């Protein structure tokens, strides 16, 4: 199956009338969804030899500086409490993380890297770098900066409406 191009989604060109703003926003949201899905597919494929998913690798990287609570990890990993529990369970089963008592709140836990997890962490940034290089291929540095800034604002827009 071929990868769809922007033209497949009604991108305006000189031979086609401009779509109304509401249609362009819907198209943009659809393309963002497709891009996120493709990004996850590529990350999962690249991390498969390490027996990890992209989300699992992201969690391990977040723990590099030190243990964090699931509540701190969930929003940056794009998951909820139940998803976080499953994610930690899987990584704990692989021997890469361990639950520990929270140092300030005996009712809570933190998640930290095991020795095996610390050995895997240095292998992860190059994989993320390879996939992000493919994601931004063909874009100039200015376009990459613009895209990154716009995406950050969009995430902020949605985040602000939830809380």
N, C-alpha and C. Protein backbone atom coordinates (compact mmCIF):
# COMPACT_ATOMS: atom_id res chain seq x y z
N UNK A 1 0.84 -1.17 0.00
CA UNK A 1 0.00 0.00 0.00
C UNK A 1 0.88 1.23 0.00
N UNK A 2 0.60 2.18 -0.86
CA UNK A 2 1.43 3.37 -0.95
C UNK A 2 1.04 4.37 0.13
N UNK A 3 2.02 5.16 0.51
CA UNK A 3 1.77 6.20 1.50
C UNK A 3 1.02 7.33 0.84
N UNK A 4 -0.07 7.80 1.46
CA UNK A 4 -0.82 8.89 0.85
C UNK A 4 0.00 10.18 0.86
N UNK A 5 -0.22 10.99 -0.13
CA UNK A 5 0.44 12.29 -0.18
C UNK A 5 -0.55 13.36 0.24
N UNK A 6 -0.03 14.55 0.50
CA UNK A 6 -0.89 15.66 0.87
C UNK A 6 -1.95 15.89 -0.20
N UNK A 7 -1.60 15.68 -1.46
CA UNK A 7 -2.54 15.88 -2.56
C UNK A 7 -3.75 14.96 -2.44
N UNK A 8 -3.55 13.78 -1.84
CA UNK A 8 -4.65 12.85 -1.67
C UNK A 8 -5.72 13.39 -0.71
N UNK A 9 -5.37 14.40 0.06
CA UNK A 9 -6.28 14.93 1.08
C UNK A 9 -6.78 16.32 0.72
N UNK A 10 -6.80 16.63 -0.54
CA UNK A 10 -7.42 17.88 -0.96
C UNK A 10 -6.54 19.10 -0.80
N UNK A 11 -5.24 18.93 -0.82
CA UNK A 11 -4.36 20.08 -0.72
C UNK A 11 -4.64 21.02 -1.89
N UNK A 12 -4.81 22.32 -1.59
CA UNK A 12 -5.12 23.23 -2.68
C UNK A 12 -3.96 23.35 -3.66
N UNK A 13 -4.28 23.43 -4.91
CA UNK A 13 -3.27 23.74 -5.91
C UNK A 13 -3.88 24.76 -6.86
N UNK A 14 -3.15 25.15 -7.87
CA UNK A 14 -3.63 26.23 -8.74
C UNK A 14 -4.83 25.83 -9.59
N UNK A 15 -5.12 24.51 -9.70
CA UNK A 15 -6.23 24.04 -10.52
C UNK A 15 -7.48 23.72 -9.70
N UNK A 16 -7.40 23.86 -8.41
CA UNK A 16 -8.50 23.48 -7.55
C UNK A 16 -8.89 24.67 -6.67
N UNK A 17 -10.18 24.89 -6.47
CA UNK A 17 -10.57 26.02 -5.61
C UNK A 17 -10.15 25.78 -4.16
N UNK A 18 -9.88 26.86 -3.45
CA UNK A 18 -9.50 26.81 -2.04
C UNK A 18 -10.66 26.27 -1.20
N UNK A 19 -10.38 25.35 -0.30
CA UNK A 19 -11.41 24.81 0.59
C UNK A 19 -11.75 25.85 1.66
N UNK A 20 -12.98 25.81 2.18
CA UNK A 20 -13.32 26.71 3.29
C UNK A 20 -12.45 26.38 4.51
N UNK A 21 -12.28 27.36 5.38
CA UNK A 21 -11.41 27.19 6.56
C UNK A 21 -11.83 26.00 7.40
N UNK A 22 -13.13 25.79 7.59
CA UNK A 22 -13.58 24.67 8.41
C UNK A 22 -13.16 23.33 7.80
N UNK A 23 -13.22 23.22 6.48
CA UNK A 23 -12.79 21.99 5.82
C UNK A 23 -11.28 21.81 5.92
N UNK A 24 -10.53 22.90 5.81
CA UNK A 24 -9.07 22.81 5.95
C UNK A 24 -8.70 22.37 7.36
N UNK A 25 -9.43 22.87 8.37
CA UNK A 25 -9.15 22.45 9.75
C UNK A 25 -9.43 20.95 9.92
N UNK A 26 -10.55 20.48 9.38
CA UNK A 26 -10.86 19.04 9.45
C UNK A 26 -9.79 18.22 8.75
N UNK A 27 -9.38 18.70 7.58
CA UNK A 27 -8.33 18.02 6.82
C UNK A 27 -7.03 17.98 7.63
N UNK A 28 -6.71 19.11 8.24
CA UNK A 28 -5.50 19.19 9.06
C UNK A 28 -5.55 18.23 10.23
N UNK A 29 -6.70 18.16 10.91
CA UNK A 29 -6.84 17.23 12.03
C UNK A 29 -6.70 15.79 11.56
N UNK A 30 -7.28 15.49 10.40
CA UNK A 30 -7.17 14.14 9.84
C UNK A 30 -5.71 13.81 9.52
N UNK A 31 -5.01 14.74 8.91
CA UNK A 31 -3.59 14.51 8.58
C UNK A 31 -2.74 14.36 9.84
N UNK A 32 -3.04 15.13 10.88
CA UNK A 32 -2.31 14.98 12.14
C UNK A 32 -2.54 13.59 12.73
N UNK A 33 -3.78 13.13 12.65
CA UNK A 33 -4.09 11.79 13.14
C UNK A 33 -3.30 10.74 12.36
N UNK A 34 -3.29 10.87 11.03
CA UNK A 34 -2.53 9.92 10.21
C UNK A 34 -1.04 9.98 10.51
N UNK A 35 -0.52 11.19 10.69
CA UNK A 35 0.91 11.35 10.99
C UNK A 35 1.24 10.70 12.34
N UNK A 36 0.39 10.90 13.34
CA UNK A 36 0.63 10.30 14.65
C UNK A 36 0.61 8.78 14.56
N UNK A 37 -0.35 8.26 13.80
CA UNK A 37 -0.45 6.80 13.64
C UNK A 37 0.80 6.25 12.94
N UNK A 38 1.20 6.92 11.86
CA UNK A 38 2.40 6.47 11.13
C UNK A 38 3.64 6.56 12.01
N UNK A 39 3.74 7.64 12.78
CA UNK A 39 4.88 7.80 13.68
C UNK A 39 4.93 6.64 14.67
N UNK A 40 3.79 6.30 15.26
CA UNK A 40 3.75 5.19 16.22
C UNK A 40 4.11 3.86 15.56
N UNK A 41 3.63 3.63 14.35
CA UNK A 41 3.95 2.40 13.62
C UNK A 41 5.46 2.31 13.40
N UNK A 42 6.06 3.41 12.95
CA UNK A 42 7.50 3.40 12.68
C UNK A 42 8.31 3.24 13.96
N UNK A 43 7.91 3.91 15.03
CA UNK A 43 8.63 3.75 16.30
C UNK A 43 8.52 2.32 16.80
N UNK A 44 7.32 1.77 16.77
CA UNK A 44 7.16 0.39 17.25
C UNK A 44 7.98 -0.59 16.42
N UNK A 45 8.03 -0.37 15.12
CA UNK A 45 8.83 -1.24 14.24
C UNK A 45 10.32 -1.13 14.57
N UNK A 46 10.78 0.08 14.79
CA UNK A 46 12.21 0.30 15.08
C UNK A 46 12.61 -0.23 16.46
N UNK A 47 11.68 -0.18 17.42
CA UNK A 47 11.99 -0.65 18.77
C UNK A 47 11.75 -2.15 18.94
N UNK A 48 11.11 -2.79 17.98
CA UNK A 48 10.79 -4.22 18.08
C UNK A 48 12.02 -5.09 18.36
N UNK A 49 13.19 -4.83 17.73
CA UNK A 49 14.34 -5.67 18.05
C UNK A 49 14.78 -5.59 19.52
N UNK A 50 14.38 -4.51 20.19
CA UNK A 50 14.70 -4.38 21.62
C UNK A 50 13.55 -4.90 22.49
N UNK A 51 12.53 -5.49 21.85
CA UNK A 51 11.33 -5.98 22.53
C UNK A 51 10.63 -4.85 23.29
N UNK A 52 10.55 -3.69 22.63
CA UNK A 52 9.89 -2.51 23.22
C UNK A 52 8.96 -1.89 22.19
N UNK A 53 8.01 -1.13 22.69
CA UNK A 53 7.20 -0.26 21.84
C UNK A 53 7.76 1.16 21.98
N UNK A 54 7.31 2.05 21.14
CA UNK A 54 7.74 3.43 21.24
C UNK A 54 7.34 4.05 22.57
N UNK A 55 6.15 3.73 23.04
CA UNK A 55 5.67 4.28 24.31
C UNK A 55 6.50 3.72 25.48
N UNK A 56 6.84 2.45 25.43
CA UNK A 56 7.68 1.86 26.48
C UNK A 56 9.06 2.52 26.49
N UNK A 57 9.62 2.74 25.30
CA UNK A 57 10.92 3.39 25.20
C UNK A 57 10.84 4.81 25.75
N UNK A 58 9.74 5.51 25.46
CA UNK A 58 9.55 6.85 25.99
C UNK A 58 9.52 6.86 27.50
N UNK A 59 8.85 5.88 28.10
CA UNK A 59 8.82 5.80 29.56
C UNK A 59 10.22 5.57 30.12
N UNK A 60 10.97 4.66 29.52
CA UNK A 60 12.33 4.40 30.00
C UNK A 60 13.19 5.66 29.93
N UNK A 61 13.08 6.40 28.85
CA UNK A 61 13.85 7.65 28.74
C UNK A 61 13.45 8.66 29.79
N UNK A 62 12.16 8.74 30.10
CA UNK A 62 11.69 9.69 31.12
C UNK A 62 12.24 9.34 32.49
N UNK A 63 12.56 8.07 32.70
CA UNK A 63 13.08 7.63 34.01
C UNK A 63 14.59 7.76 34.13
N UNK A 64 15.26 8.14 33.05
CA UNK A 64 16.72 8.23 33.07
C UNK A 64 17.22 9.11 34.22
N UNK A 65 16.64 10.31 34.43
CA UNK A 65 17.15 11.15 35.53
C UNK A 65 16.83 10.61 36.92
N UNK A 66 15.77 9.83 37.04
CA UNK A 66 15.39 9.28 38.34
C UNK A 66 13.95 8.84 38.35
N UNK A 67 13.57 8.20 39.44
CA UNK A 67 12.22 7.64 39.57
C UNK A 67 11.16 8.74 39.56
N UNK A 68 10.01 8.41 38.97
CA UNK A 68 8.87 9.33 38.90
C UNK A 68 7.60 8.56 39.25
N UNK A 69 6.58 9.30 39.65
CA UNK A 69 5.30 8.66 39.94
C UNK A 69 4.54 8.41 38.64
N UNK A 70 3.67 7.42 38.63
CA UNK A 70 2.84 7.20 37.45
C UNK A 70 2.03 8.45 37.09
N UNK A 71 1.61 9.22 38.08
CA UNK A 71 0.84 10.44 37.84
C UNK A 71 1.68 11.46 37.06
N UNK A 72 2.98 11.52 37.32
CA UNK A 72 3.87 12.42 36.57
C UNK A 72 4.13 11.90 35.17
N UNK A 73 4.18 10.60 35.00
CA UNK A 73 4.52 10.00 33.72
C UNK A 73 3.36 9.96 32.73
N UNK A 74 2.16 9.71 33.22
CA UNK A 74 1.01 9.48 32.33
C UNK A 74 0.79 10.61 31.32
N UNK A 75 0.75 11.88 31.73
CA UNK A 75 0.45 12.92 30.74
C UNK A 75 1.52 13.06 29.65
N UNK A 76 2.78 12.88 29.99
CA UNK A 76 3.83 13.04 28.98
C UNK A 76 3.90 11.83 28.05
N UNK A 77 3.32 10.71 28.47
CA UNK A 77 3.30 9.52 27.63
C UNK A 77 1.97 9.36 26.90
N UNK A 78 1.06 10.28 27.13
CA UNK A 78 -0.22 10.24 26.42
C UNK A 78 -1.10 9.09 26.82
N UNK A 79 -1.14 8.79 28.11
CA UNK A 79 -1.98 7.68 28.57
C UNK A 79 -2.71 8.09 29.84
N UNK A 80 -3.62 7.23 30.27
CA UNK A 80 -4.36 7.47 31.50
C UNK A 80 -3.85 6.54 32.59
N UNK A 81 -4.52 6.56 33.74
CA UNK A 81 -4.07 5.76 34.88
C UNK A 81 -4.02 4.26 34.55
N UNK A 82 -5.07 3.75 33.92
CA UNK A 82 -5.11 2.33 33.59
C UNK A 82 -4.03 1.97 32.57
N UNK A 83 -3.86 2.82 31.57
CA UNK A 83 -2.81 2.59 30.58
C UNK A 83 -1.43 2.63 31.19
N UNK A 84 -1.24 3.54 32.13
CA UNK A 84 0.05 3.65 32.81
C UNK A 84 0.34 2.39 33.61
N UNK A 85 -0.68 1.86 34.28
CA UNK A 85 -0.51 0.63 35.05
C UNK A 85 -0.08 -0.52 34.13
N UNK A 86 -0.75 -0.64 32.98
CA UNK A 86 -0.39 -1.71 32.02
C UNK A 86 1.04 -1.52 31.50
N UNK A 87 1.39 -0.28 31.21
CA UNK A 87 2.72 0.03 30.69
C UNK A 87 3.80 -0.35 31.70
N UNK A 88 3.61 0.05 32.94
CA UNK A 88 4.57 -0.28 33.99
C UNK A 88 4.60 -1.79 34.23
N UNK A 89 3.43 -2.43 34.23
CA UNK A 89 3.39 -3.89 34.41
C UNK A 89 4.23 -4.59 33.34
N UNK A 90 4.08 -4.17 32.08
CA UNK A 90 4.84 -4.82 30.99
C UNK A 90 6.34 -4.62 31.15
N UNK A 91 6.73 -3.38 31.48
CA UNK A 91 8.16 -3.11 31.63
C UNK A 91 8.73 -3.77 32.88
N UNK A 92 7.92 -3.87 33.90
CA UNK A 92 8.35 -4.58 35.11
C UNK A 92 8.52 -6.06 34.80
N UNK A 93 7.61 -6.61 34.00
CA UNK A 93 7.71 -8.01 33.59
C UNK A 93 8.97 -8.29 32.78
N UNK A 94 9.45 -7.29 32.06
CA UNK A 94 10.68 -7.42 31.28
C UNK A 94 11.92 -7.15 32.12
N UNK A 95 11.71 -6.77 33.38
CA UNK A 95 12.83 -6.50 34.28
C UNK A 95 13.51 -5.16 34.06
N UNK A 96 12.82 -4.22 33.39
CA UNK A 96 13.44 -2.94 33.05
C UNK A 96 13.09 -1.81 34.03
N UNK A 97 11.97 -1.95 34.74
CA UNK A 97 11.58 -0.97 35.75
C UNK A 97 11.13 -1.70 37.00
N UNK A 98 11.10 -0.96 38.10
CA UNK A 98 10.59 -1.51 39.36
C UNK A 98 9.79 -0.44 40.08
N UNK A 99 8.72 -0.86 40.69
CA UNK A 99 7.94 0.03 41.55
C UNK A 99 8.64 0.13 42.90
N UNK A 100 8.64 1.34 43.44
CA UNK A 100 9.27 1.60 44.73
C UNK A 100 8.34 2.47 45.55
N UNK A 101 8.43 2.41 46.87
CA UNK A 101 7.60 3.32 47.68
C UNK A 101 7.98 4.77 47.38
N UNK A 102 6.96 5.65 47.35
CA UNK A 102 7.20 7.08 47.14
C UNK A 102 7.93 7.62 48.37
N UNK A 103 9.00 8.39 48.17
CA UNK A 103 9.78 8.86 49.32
C UNK A 103 9.02 9.83 50.25
N UNK A 104 8.05 10.57 49.72
CA UNK A 104 7.32 11.53 50.55
C UNK A 104 5.87 11.13 50.84
N UNK A 105 5.34 10.12 50.15
CA UNK A 105 3.94 9.76 50.32
C UNK A 105 3.83 8.25 50.39
N UNK A 106 3.67 7.72 51.59
CA UNK A 106 3.67 6.27 51.76
C UNK A 106 2.49 5.58 51.09
N UNK A 107 1.47 6.35 50.65
CA UNK A 107 0.33 5.77 49.95
C UNK A 107 0.61 5.61 48.46
N UNK A 108 1.71 6.18 47.98
CA UNK A 108 2.00 6.19 46.55
C UNK A 108 3.28 5.43 46.24
N UNK A 109 3.49 5.26 44.95
CA UNK A 109 4.72 4.62 44.48
C UNK A 109 5.40 5.53 43.47
N UNK A 110 6.65 5.21 43.20
CA UNK A 110 7.37 5.78 42.06
C UNK A 110 7.88 4.61 41.24
N UNK A 111 8.21 4.90 39.99
CA UNK A 111 8.73 3.88 39.09
C UNK A 111 10.16 4.28 38.76
N UNK A 112 11.07 3.34 38.88
CA UNK A 112 12.47 3.61 38.59
C UNK A 112 13.06 2.54 37.70
N UNK A 113 14.18 2.88 37.08
CA UNK A 113 14.88 1.93 36.23
C UNK A 113 15.60 0.88 37.06
N UNK A 114 15.62 -0.33 36.57
CA UNK A 114 16.46 -1.38 37.13
C UNK A 114 17.83 -1.29 36.46
N UNK A 115 18.77 -2.12 36.87
CA UNK A 115 20.08 -2.15 36.20
C UNK A 115 19.90 -2.50 34.72
N UNK A 116 19.02 -3.46 34.43
CA UNK A 116 18.77 -3.84 33.03
C UNK A 116 18.17 -2.66 32.26
N UNK A 117 17.29 -1.91 32.90
CA UNK A 117 16.69 -0.74 32.25
C UNK A 117 17.74 0.32 31.95
N UNK A 118 18.66 0.54 32.89
CA UNK A 118 19.73 1.52 32.67
C UNK A 118 20.65 1.11 31.53
N UNK A 119 20.80 -0.19 31.31
CA UNK A 119 21.61 -0.67 30.18
C UNK A 119 20.93 -0.43 28.84
N UNK A 120 19.61 -0.48 28.80
CA UNK A 120 18.85 -0.31 27.56
C UNK A 120 18.74 1.16 27.17
N UNK A 121 18.64 2.06 28.15
CA UNK A 121 18.36 3.47 27.88
C UNK A 121 19.31 4.10 26.85
N UNK A 122 20.61 3.86 26.89
CA UNK A 122 21.48 4.50 25.88
C UNK A 122 21.19 4.07 24.43
N UNK A 123 20.51 2.95 24.25
CA UNK A 123 20.17 2.48 22.90
C UNK A 123 18.96 3.21 22.31
N UNK A 124 18.20 3.92 23.13
CA UNK A 124 16.92 4.47 22.71
C UNK A 124 17.01 5.79 21.93
N UNK A 125 17.79 6.78 22.37
CA UNK A 125 17.81 8.06 21.62
C UNK A 125 18.16 7.93 20.14
N UNK A 126 19.11 7.07 19.75
CA UNK A 126 19.38 6.96 18.31
C UNK A 126 18.18 6.46 17.50
N UNK A 127 17.35 5.62 18.10
CA UNK A 127 16.16 5.12 17.40
C UNK A 127 15.16 6.27 17.21
N UNK A 128 14.91 7.02 18.28
CA UNK A 128 14.02 8.18 18.16
C UNK A 128 14.57 9.16 17.12
N UNK A 129 15.88 9.35 17.12
CA UNK A 129 16.50 10.29 16.16
C UNK A 129 16.31 9.81 14.72
N UNK A 130 16.49 8.51 14.46
CA UNK A 130 16.29 7.97 13.11
C UNK A 130 14.88 8.20 12.61
N UNK A 131 13.91 7.91 13.46
CA UNK A 131 12.51 8.05 13.05
C UNK A 131 12.15 9.52 12.88
N UNK A 132 12.62 10.39 13.76
CA UNK A 132 12.29 11.81 13.60
C UNK A 132 12.97 12.40 12.38
N UNK A 133 14.15 11.89 12.02
CA UNK A 133 14.81 12.34 10.79
C UNK A 133 13.95 11.98 9.58
N UNK A 134 13.38 10.77 9.58
CA UNK A 134 12.48 10.38 8.48
C UNK A 134 11.21 11.23 8.48
N UNK A 135 10.69 11.50 9.67
CA UNK A 135 9.46 12.29 9.78
C UNK A 135 9.63 13.67 9.17
N UNK A 136 10.77 14.31 9.42
CA UNK A 136 11.00 15.68 8.95
C UNK A 136 11.82 15.75 7.66
N UNK A 137 12.01 14.61 7.02
CA UNK A 137 12.79 14.58 5.77
C UNK A 137 12.18 15.53 4.74
N UNK A 138 13.05 16.26 4.06
CA UNK A 138 12.60 17.17 3.02
C UNK A 138 12.15 18.53 3.53
N UNK A 139 12.09 18.71 4.84
CA UNK A 139 11.73 20.00 5.40
C UNK A 139 13.01 20.77 5.75
N UNK A 140 12.98 22.05 5.53
CA UNK A 140 14.12 22.88 5.92
C UNK A 140 14.12 23.03 7.44
N UNK A 141 15.22 23.55 7.97
CA UNK A 141 15.28 23.80 9.41
C UNK A 141 14.17 24.77 9.83
N UNK A 142 13.92 25.80 9.01
CA UNK A 142 12.86 26.76 9.33
C UNK A 142 11.49 26.09 9.31
N UNK A 143 11.24 25.21 8.33
CA UNK A 143 9.96 24.51 8.27
C UNK A 143 9.79 23.56 9.45
N UNK A 144 10.87 22.90 9.84
CA UNK A 144 10.82 22.01 11.00
C UNK A 144 10.51 22.80 12.26
N UNK A 145 11.16 23.94 12.42
CA UNK A 145 10.91 24.79 13.59
C UNK A 145 9.46 25.29 13.58
N UNK A 146 8.97 25.70 12.42
CA UNK A 146 7.59 26.18 12.30
C UNK A 146 6.61 25.05 12.64
N UNK A 147 6.83 23.87 12.05
CA UNK A 147 5.94 22.74 12.29
C UNK A 147 5.94 22.37 13.77
N UNK A 148 7.10 22.34 14.38
CA UNK A 148 7.21 21.98 15.79
C UNK A 148 6.48 23.01 16.65
N UNK A 149 6.66 24.27 16.34
CA UNK A 149 5.97 25.32 17.10
C UNK A 149 4.47 25.24 16.95
N UNK A 150 3.99 25.03 15.73
CA UNK A 150 2.55 24.92 15.49
C UNK A 150 1.96 23.70 16.19
N UNK A 151 2.65 22.59 16.11
CA UNK A 151 2.15 21.38 16.77
C UNK A 151 2.10 21.57 18.28
N UNK A 152 3.10 22.23 18.84
CA UNK A 152 3.09 22.52 20.27
C UNK A 152 1.90 23.39 20.67
N UNK A 153 1.61 24.37 19.84
CA UNK A 153 0.45 25.23 20.12
C UNK A 153 -0.85 24.44 20.03
N UNK A 154 -0.95 23.54 19.04
CA UNK A 154 -2.16 22.73 18.88
C UNK A 154 -2.36 21.82 20.08
N UNK A 155 -1.28 21.18 20.53
CA UNK A 155 -1.38 20.33 21.71
C UNK A 155 -1.81 21.17 22.90
N UNK A 156 -1.25 22.35 23.04
CA UNK A 156 -1.64 23.25 24.12
C UNK A 156 -3.11 23.64 24.04
N UNK A 157 -3.60 23.89 22.83
CA UNK A 157 -5.01 24.23 22.65
C UNK A 157 -5.91 23.12 23.18
N UNK A 158 -5.59 21.90 22.83
CA UNK A 158 -6.41 20.77 23.28
C UNK A 158 -6.24 20.52 24.77
N UNK A 159 -5.02 20.63 25.25
CA UNK A 159 -4.74 20.42 26.67
C UNK A 159 -5.50 21.45 27.51
N UNK A 160 -5.53 22.70 27.05
CA UNK A 160 -6.19 23.78 27.80
C UNK A 160 -7.69 23.56 27.89
N UNK A 161 -8.28 22.86 26.92
CA UNK A 161 -9.73 22.66 26.93
C UNK A 161 -10.13 21.49 27.82
N UNK A 162 -9.19 20.62 28.15
CA UNK A 162 -9.50 19.45 28.97
C UNK A 162 -9.46 19.79 30.45
N UNK A 163 -8.55 20.65 30.82
CA UNK A 163 -8.36 20.91 32.24
C UNK A 163 -9.20 22.04 32.75
